[in-house]
N, C-alpha and C. Protein backbone atom coordinates (compact mmCIF):
# COMPACT_ATOMS: atom_id res chain seq x y z
N MET A 1 98.26 88.73 93.79
CA MET A 1 99.10 88.73 94.70
C MET A 1 98.65 90.05 95.28
N LYS A 2 98.04 89.27 96.95
CA LYS A 2 97.50 90.55 97.87
C LYS A 2 98.57 91.28 98.25
N LYS A 3 98.55 92.59 98.21
CA LYS A 3 99.62 93.16 99.06
C LYS A 3 99.36 93.39 100.87
N THR A 4 99.68 93.60 101.49
CA THR A 4 99.95 93.63 103.26
C THR A 4 99.78 94.96 103.06
N LYS A 5 98.41 95.29 103.79
CA LYS A 5 98.57 97.14 104.26
C LYS A 5 99.81 96.73 105.56
N LYS A 6 99.95 98.04 106.00
CA LYS A 6 100.80 97.52 106.96
C LYS A 6 100.46 99.62 107.46
N ILE A 7 99.87 100.01 108.65
CA ILE A 7 99.22 100.68 109.20
C ILE A 7 100.83 101.07 110.85
N ILE A 8 100.70 102.40 110.58
CA ILE A 8 101.13 103.19 112.17
C ILE A 8 99.97 103.90 113.08
N LEU A 9 99.94 103.93 114.11
CA LEU A 9 98.68 104.40 114.44
C LEU A 9 99.79 105.15 115.60
N ILE A 10 99.35 106.67 116.05
CA ILE A 10 100.12 107.08 116.72
C ILE A 10 98.96 108.10 117.60
N ASP A 11 99.55 107.94 119.25
CA ASP A 11 98.42 108.46 120.15
C ASP A 11 98.71 108.42 121.76
N ASP A 12 98.59 109.00 121.77
CA ASP A 12 99.75 109.15 123.52
C ASP A 12 98.68 108.55 124.38
N ASN A 13 97.29 108.50 124.43
CA ASN A 13 96.31 108.05 124.92
C ASN A 13 96.87 106.23 125.37
N LYS A 14 97.29 105.51 125.61
CA LYS A 14 97.45 103.82 125.93
C LYS A 14 95.76 103.37 125.47
N ILE A 15 95.03 103.60 126.12
CA ILE A 15 93.77 103.16 125.85
C ILE A 15 92.93 103.41 124.66
N ASP A 16 93.04 104.44 124.26
CA ASP A 16 92.92 104.75 122.81
C ASP A 16 93.02 103.85 121.91
N LEU A 17 94.75 104.05 121.93
CA LEU A 17 95.40 103.16 120.90
C LEU A 17 95.10 101.45 121.11
N PHE A 18 95.05 101.10 122.04
CA PHE A 18 95.02 99.53 122.12
C PHE A 18 93.08 99.60 121.68
N VAL A 19 92.44 100.10 122.00
CA VAL A 19 91.09 100.01 121.21
C VAL A 19 91.24 99.73 120.19
N ASN A 20 91.83 101.53 118.95
CA ASN A 20 91.73 101.16 117.96
C ASN A 20 92.52 99.72 116.74
N GLN A 21 93.68 99.59 118.18
CA GLN A 21 94.52 98.40 117.14
C GLN A 21 93.96 97.25 117.51
N LYS A 22 92.96 96.84 118.49
CA LYS A 22 91.67 95.72 118.12
C LYS A 22 90.65 95.96 117.46
N ILE A 23 90.10 97.28 116.87
CA ILE A 23 89.08 97.23 116.21
C ILE A 23 89.98 96.75 114.73
N ILE A 24 91.45 96.90 114.77
CA ILE A 24 91.76 97.13 113.41
C ILE A 24 92.35 95.32 112.92
N GLU A 25 92.69 94.68 114.51
CA GLU A 25 92.59 93.34 113.82
C GLU A 25 91.94 92.47 113.91
N ILE A 26 90.52 93.09 114.22
CA ILE A 26 89.40 92.39 114.18
C ILE A 26 88.93 92.87 112.35
N PHE A 27 88.93 93.83 112.32
CA PHE A 27 88.63 93.54 111.25
C PHE A 27 89.36 93.17 109.73
N ASP A 28 90.21 93.24 110.06
CA ASP A 28 91.47 92.64 109.31
C ASP A 28 92.84 92.10 109.60
N PRO A 29 92.18 90.80 110.08
CA PRO A 29 93.60 89.73 111.08
C PRO A 29 95.41 90.02 109.94
N SER A 30 94.95 90.08 108.65
CA SER A 30 96.25 90.17 107.59
C SER A 30 97.61 91.77 108.39
N ILE A 31 96.76 93.25 108.80
CA ILE A 31 97.10 94.14 108.42
C ILE A 31 98.38 93.65 109.05
N GLN A 32 99.21 94.34 108.97
CA GLN A 32 100.12 94.33 109.91
C GLN A 32 100.05 96.33 110.62
N LEU A 33 100.80 96.26 111.42
CA LEU A 33 100.39 97.48 112.75
C LEU A 33 101.96 97.96 113.60
N LYS A 34 102.21 99.02 113.66
CA LYS A 34 103.04 99.52 114.81
C LYS A 34 102.49 100.75 115.20
N THR A 35 102.23 100.65 116.72
CA THR A 35 102.40 101.61 117.65
C THR A 35 103.29 102.39 118.10
N PHE A 36 102.71 103.87 117.85
CA PHE A 36 103.82 104.72 118.96
C PHE A 36 103.14 105.86 120.05
N THR A 37 103.60 105.85 121.59
CA THR A 37 102.36 106.80 122.19
C THR A 37 102.89 108.21 121.59
N LYS A 38 104.52 108.36 121.04
CA LYS A 38 104.60 109.66 121.02
C LYS A 38 105.03 110.16 119.61
N ALA A 39 104.33 110.76 119.05
CA ALA A 39 104.79 111.51 117.72
C ALA A 39 106.00 111.90 117.63
N SER A 40 106.72 112.14 118.15
CA SER A 40 108.09 111.89 117.89
C SER A 40 108.73 111.08 117.84
N ALA A 41 108.85 110.06 118.29
CA ALA A 41 109.12 108.82 118.11
C ALA A 41 108.39 107.96 116.57
N ALA A 42 107.38 108.48 116.27
CA ALA A 42 106.99 108.16 115.45
C ALA A 42 108.23 108.54 113.82
N ILE A 43 108.17 109.86 114.10
CA ILE A 43 108.85 110.58 113.19
C ILE A 43 110.01 110.53 112.92
N CYS A 44 110.76 110.08 114.42
CA CYS A 44 111.79 109.67 114.64
C CYS A 44 112.10 108.67 113.53
N TYR A 45 111.13 107.02 114.01
CA TYR A 45 111.13 105.74 113.17
C TYR A 45 110.82 106.33 111.83
N LEU A 46 110.84 107.22 111.53
CA LEU A 46 110.52 107.30 109.44
C LEU A 46 111.67 107.94 109.58
N LYS A 47 112.23 108.61 109.92
CA LYS A 47 113.79 109.15 109.78
C LYS A 47 114.96 108.25 109.72
N ILE A 48 114.60 106.77 110.02
CA ILE A 48 115.55 105.80 110.59
C ILE A 48 115.17 105.23 108.95
N LEU A 49 114.04 105.23 108.77
CA LEU A 49 113.68 104.64 107.55
C LEU A 49 114.29 105.14 106.43
N GLU A 50 114.54 106.48 106.06
CA GLU A 50 115.50 107.21 105.20
C GLU A 50 116.56 106.84 105.15
N PHE A 51 117.43 106.28 106.16
CA PHE A 51 119.04 106.03 106.27
C PHE A 51 119.45 105.04 106.17
N ASN A 52 117.82 103.87 105.81
CA ASN A 52 118.45 102.89 104.77
C ASN A 52 118.22 102.74 103.92
N LYS A 53 118.86 102.05 102.63
CA LYS A 53 118.64 102.28 101.90
C LYS A 53 117.58 100.83 100.97
N ASP A 54 117.57 100.10 102.05
CA ASP A 54 116.54 98.85 101.32
C ASP A 54 115.31 98.49 102.04
N PHE A 55 114.80 99.71 101.62
CA PHE A 55 113.12 99.97 101.76
C PHE A 55 112.22 98.47 102.16
N LYS A 56 112.55 97.92 101.27
CA LYS A 56 111.57 96.77 101.21
C LYS A 56 111.77 95.68 102.48
N SER A 57 112.62 95.71 103.01
CA SER A 57 113.09 95.27 104.45
C SER A 57 111.79 95.86 105.64
N LEU A 58 111.76 97.28 105.34
CA LEU A 58 111.18 97.84 106.25
C LEU A 58 109.95 97.76 106.10
N PHE A 59 109.13 98.09 107.86
CA PHE A 59 108.31 98.84 107.71
C PHE A 59 107.34 99.70 107.43
N ILE A 60 107.38 100.17 106.28
CA ILE A 60 107.15 101.66 105.49
C ILE A 60 105.51 101.84 105.68
N PRO A 61 105.18 102.29 106.40
CA PRO A 61 103.17 102.34 106.24
C PRO A 61 102.48 102.44 105.24
N ASP A 62 101.41 102.21 104.74
CA ASP A 62 100.37 102.62 103.47
C ASP A 62 99.88 103.13 104.35
N ILE A 63 99.19 103.35 105.76
CA ILE A 63 98.22 104.44 105.97
C ILE A 63 99.07 104.94 107.75
N ILE A 64 98.65 106.13 107.98
CA ILE A 64 99.08 106.37 109.39
C ILE A 64 97.72 106.72 109.98
N PHE A 65 97.46 106.33 111.20
CA PHE A 65 96.38 106.69 112.00
C PHE A 65 97.05 107.78 112.84
N LEU A 66 96.72 109.25 112.92
CA LEU A 66 97.19 109.74 113.56
C LEU A 66 96.33 111.07 114.69
N ASP A 67 96.42 110.57 115.90
CA ASP A 67 95.52 111.71 116.22
C ASP A 67 96.39 112.88 116.65
N ILE A 68 95.47 113.93 117.05
CA ILE A 68 95.36 115.33 116.67
C ILE A 68 96.29 116.04 118.15
N ASN A 69 95.60 116.15 119.52
CA ASN A 69 96.21 116.38 120.89
C ASN A 69 96.85 115.38 121.46
N MET A 70 98.45 115.71 121.51
CA MET A 70 99.06 115.06 121.92
C MET A 70 100.11 115.91 122.19
N PRO A 71 100.83 115.92 123.73
CA PRO A 71 102.07 116.14 124.10
C PRO A 71 103.08 116.19 123.27
N GLU A 72 104.10 117.18 123.43
CA GLU A 72 105.05 117.22 122.90
C GLU A 72 105.42 117.70 121.36
N MET A 73 104.58 116.84 121.08
CA MET A 73 104.54 116.86 119.08
C MET A 73 102.68 116.78 118.84
N ASP A 74 101.97 117.85 118.46
CA ASP A 74 100.79 117.16 118.04
C ASP A 74 100.59 117.08 117.06
N GLY A 75 99.17 116.55 116.09
CA GLY A 75 99.13 116.01 115.11
C GLY A 75 99.62 116.93 114.00
N PHE A 76 99.50 118.49 113.94
CA PHE A 76 99.62 119.37 112.86
C PHE A 76 101.39 119.63 112.71
N GLN A 77 101.34 119.25 114.36
CA GLN A 77 103.24 119.65 113.40
C GLN A 77 103.74 118.49 113.49
N PHE A 78 103.54 117.56 113.41
CA PHE A 78 103.78 115.44 113.47
C PHE A 78 103.72 115.60 111.22
N LEU A 79 102.47 116.21 110.90
CA LEU A 79 102.71 116.52 109.73
C LEU A 79 103.55 117.69 109.12
N ALA A 80 103.90 118.56 109.44
CA ALA A 80 104.93 119.71 109.36
C ALA A 80 106.48 118.81 109.40
N GLU A 81 106.45 118.04 110.62
CA GLU A 81 108.21 117.43 110.50
C GLU A 81 108.24 116.24 109.09
N LEU A 82 106.74 115.91 109.46
CA LEU A 82 106.50 114.53 107.93
C LEU A 82 107.38 115.06 106.49
N LYS A 83 106.46 116.24 106.13
CA LYS A 83 106.69 116.75 105.14
C LYS A 83 108.46 117.22 104.88
N GLN A 84 108.56 117.08 105.79
CA GLN A 84 110.59 116.95 105.73
C GLN A 84 110.87 115.96 105.34
N LEU A 85 110.45 115.45 104.75
CA LEU A 85 110.74 113.68 104.65
C LEU A 85 110.76 113.51 103.70
N GLU A 86 111.83 112.55 102.82
CA GLU A 86 111.62 112.13 101.46
C GLU A 86 110.97 110.96 101.74
N ILE A 87 110.38 109.80 102.61
CA ILE A 87 109.76 109.16 102.58
C ILE A 87 108.10 109.36 102.27
N ILE A 88 107.88 110.38 102.60
CA ILE A 88 106.94 111.33 102.05
C ILE A 88 106.28 111.28 100.61
N LYS A 89 107.70 111.47 99.65
CA LYS A 89 107.43 112.28 98.65
C LYS A 89 107.42 110.67 97.70
N LYS A 90 108.42 109.73 98.65
CA LYS A 90 108.67 108.57 97.13
C LYS A 90 107.92 107.32 97.45
N HIS A 91 106.82 107.49 98.71
CA HIS A 91 105.92 106.41 99.18
C HIS A 91 104.51 106.82 99.59
N GLN A 92 103.57 106.11 99.00
CA GLN A 92 102.09 106.32 99.01
C GLN A 92 101.49 106.28 100.40
N ILE A 93 101.62 107.20 101.33
CA ILE A 93 101.65 107.18 102.47
C ILE A 93 99.93 108.39 103.02
N ASP A 94 99.01 107.35 103.54
CA ASP A 94 97.34 108.11 103.36
C ASP A 94 97.77 108.10 104.70
N ILE A 95 96.82 109.13 105.58
CA ILE A 95 97.35 109.63 106.68
C ILE A 95 95.77 110.37 106.92
N PHE A 96 95.65 109.85 108.27
CA PHE A 96 93.93 110.35 108.44
C PHE A 96 94.27 110.43 110.21
N MET A 97 93.51 111.54 110.09
CA MET A 97 93.48 112.15 111.66
C MET A 97 92.48 111.59 112.46
N LEU A 98 92.62 111.57 113.63
CA LEU A 98 91.84 111.18 114.74
C LEU A 98 91.95 111.88 115.82
N SER A 99 90.76 112.24 116.38
CA SER A 99 90.45 112.71 118.13
C SER A 99 89.28 112.55 118.11
N SER A 100 89.28 112.66 119.47
CA SER A 100 87.89 112.74 120.54
C SER A 100 87.17 114.11 120.77
N SER A 101 88.08 114.99 120.21
CA SER A 101 87.17 116.34 119.86
C SER A 101 86.35 116.43 119.37
N SER A 102 85.29 117.31 119.18
CA SER A 102 84.59 117.63 117.74
C SER A 102 84.24 119.16 117.97
N SER A 103 86.15 119.90 117.57
CA SER A 103 86.53 121.32 117.40
C SER A 103 86.44 121.68 115.88
N LEU A 104 85.32 122.34 115.47
CA LEU A 104 85.65 122.58 113.69
C LEU A 104 86.65 123.21 113.47
N GLU A 105 87.66 124.03 114.36
CA GLU A 105 88.39 124.31 114.25
C GLU A 105 89.99 123.33 113.86
N ASP A 106 89.44 122.21 114.35
CA ASP A 106 90.58 120.83 114.13
C ASP A 106 90.37 120.28 113.03
N ILE A 107 89.28 120.03 112.77
CA ILE A 107 88.28 118.85 111.52
C ILE A 107 88.71 119.39 110.80
N ASN A 108 88.46 120.87 110.27
CA ASN A 108 88.81 122.05 109.09
C ASN A 108 90.06 122.33 108.62
N LYS A 109 91.06 122.43 109.82
CA LYS A 109 92.21 122.02 109.58
C LYS A 109 92.99 120.84 109.47
N ALA A 110 92.67 119.79 109.60
CA ALA A 110 92.43 118.47 108.82
C ALA A 110 91.98 117.98 107.97
N LYS A 111 91.17 118.21 107.29
CA LYS A 111 90.84 118.24 106.18
C LYS A 111 91.30 119.07 105.32
N SER A 112 92.06 120.16 105.19
CA SER A 112 92.61 121.06 104.25
C SER A 112 94.09 120.68 104.41
N HIS A 113 94.50 119.79 105.13
CA HIS A 113 95.83 119.82 105.24
C HIS A 113 96.30 118.60 103.66
N GLN A 114 97.38 118.64 103.34
CA GLN A 114 97.75 118.38 102.08
C GLN A 114 97.71 117.20 101.98
N PHE A 115 98.82 116.66 103.52
CA PHE A 115 98.80 115.35 103.62
C PHE A 115 97.65 114.48 103.96
N CYS A 116 96.49 114.75 104.63
CA CYS A 116 95.82 114.64 105.54
C CYS A 116 94.38 114.16 104.34
N LYS A 117 94.30 112.79 104.92
CA LYS A 117 93.10 112.50 103.67
C LYS A 117 91.64 112.25 104.36
N ASN A 118 91.55 112.36 105.41
CA ASN A 118 90.67 113.04 105.86
C ASN A 118 90.58 112.56 107.61
N TYR A 119 89.44 112.87 108.25
CA TYR A 119 89.40 113.50 109.89
C TYR A 119 88.13 112.63 110.42
N TYR A 120 88.30 111.69 111.41
CA TYR A 120 87.74 110.58 111.79
C TYR A 120 87.34 110.94 113.29
N ASN A 121 86.63 110.53 113.96
CA ASN A 121 86.07 110.67 115.64
C ASN A 121 86.71 108.95 115.92
N LYS A 122 87.48 109.37 116.73
CA LYS A 122 88.00 108.17 117.84
C LYS A 122 86.55 107.68 118.48
N PRO A 123 86.54 106.20 118.96
CA PRO A 123 87.49 105.28 118.22
C PRO A 123 87.17 105.07 117.01
N LEU A 124 87.99 104.32 115.92
CA LEU A 124 88.02 103.69 114.48
C LEU A 124 87.17 102.72 115.03
N THR A 125 85.89 102.86 113.94
CA THR A 125 84.83 101.85 113.59
C THR A 125 84.89 100.62 112.41
N ASN A 126 84.14 99.86 112.58
CA ASN A 126 83.80 98.90 111.56
C ASN A 126 83.75 100.04 110.19
N LYS A 127 82.32 100.70 110.33
CA LYS A 127 81.97 101.74 109.09
C LYS A 127 83.47 102.66 108.42
N THR A 128 84.15 103.06 109.62
CA THR A 128 85.27 103.89 108.90
C THR A 128 86.21 103.19 108.27
N LEU A 129 86.93 102.22 108.82
CA LEU A 129 87.58 101.32 108.28
C LEU A 129 87.18 100.51 106.94
N GLN A 130 85.48 100.30 106.63
CA GLN A 130 85.70 100.07 105.52
C GLN A 130 85.58 101.45 104.57
N GLU A 131 84.89 101.99 104.84
CA GLU A 131 84.98 103.66 104.09
C GLU A 131 86.77 103.87 103.78
N ILE A 132 87.55 103.45 105.13
CA ILE A 132 89.14 103.93 104.04
C ILE A 132 89.54 102.69 103.40
N PHE A 133 88.97 101.35 103.16
CA PHE A 133 89.72 100.23 102.07
C PHE A 133 88.53 100.11 101.55
N GLN A 134 88.03 100.87 101.30
CA GLN A 134 87.51 100.52 99.60
C GLN A 134 88.51 100.51 98.37
N PRO A 135 87.72 99.41 97.74
CA PRO A 135 88.27 99.23 96.51
C PRO A 135 88.99 99.93 95.45
N GLU A 136 88.56 101.54 95.40
CA GLU A 136 89.14 102.40 94.73
C GLU A 136 90.07 103.35 95.41
N ARG A 137 89.94 103.28 97.09
CA ARG A 137 91.18 103.53 97.51
C ARG A 137 92.81 102.35 96.80
N GLY A 138 92.60 101.15 96.25
CA GLY A 138 93.34 100.41 96.02
C GLY A 138 93.62 99.54 97.69
N TYR A 139 92.75 99.19 98.38
CA TYR A 139 93.10 98.02 99.21
C TYR A 139 92.36 97.34 99.20
N ALA A 140 92.99 96.16 99.28
CA ALA A 140 92.01 94.69 99.60
C ALA A 140 91.19 94.38 101.03
N ILE A 141 89.90 94.29 101.18
CA ILE A 141 89.65 93.73 102.35
C ILE A 141 89.63 92.16 102.59
N SER A 142 90.52 91.34 103.57
CA SER A 142 90.93 90.06 103.74
C SER A 142 89.31 89.49 103.90
N LEU A 143 88.37 88.51 103.15
CA LEU A 143 87.42 88.01 103.59
C LEU A 143 88.06 86.40 104.29
N TYR A 144 87.13 86.46 105.66
CA TYR A 144 87.79 85.22 105.74
C TYR A 144 85.76 84.67 105.85
């Protein structure tokens, strides 16, 4: 039985959030999505999951797409907070940083972070999603 993929999108730009959500939905309509416009809200959500012992009934993401540049809490601050949570130790969650910036400093910092699997430019593309959902990553692509 194929596991339904669960993705969290975090981006303060509502247009980027909407575009990436639609790209994912078109790529694979079976993917379950949860979106946040604030990284701090996503951290709060993940903290709530830790207080609930019945993880199976909750939306625990397989993947988090995380914008780098956000007010209040940027992507790197999110990763620092995430590091403190048990959920990242108990569950395999792949994190991909997204940005419209082409800053080499951001790219290198993202790619060298222990929790970040890779860095991609916004918006997501079909090619990017195919790369992420390669069979060797353990994710299957729905073919319609």
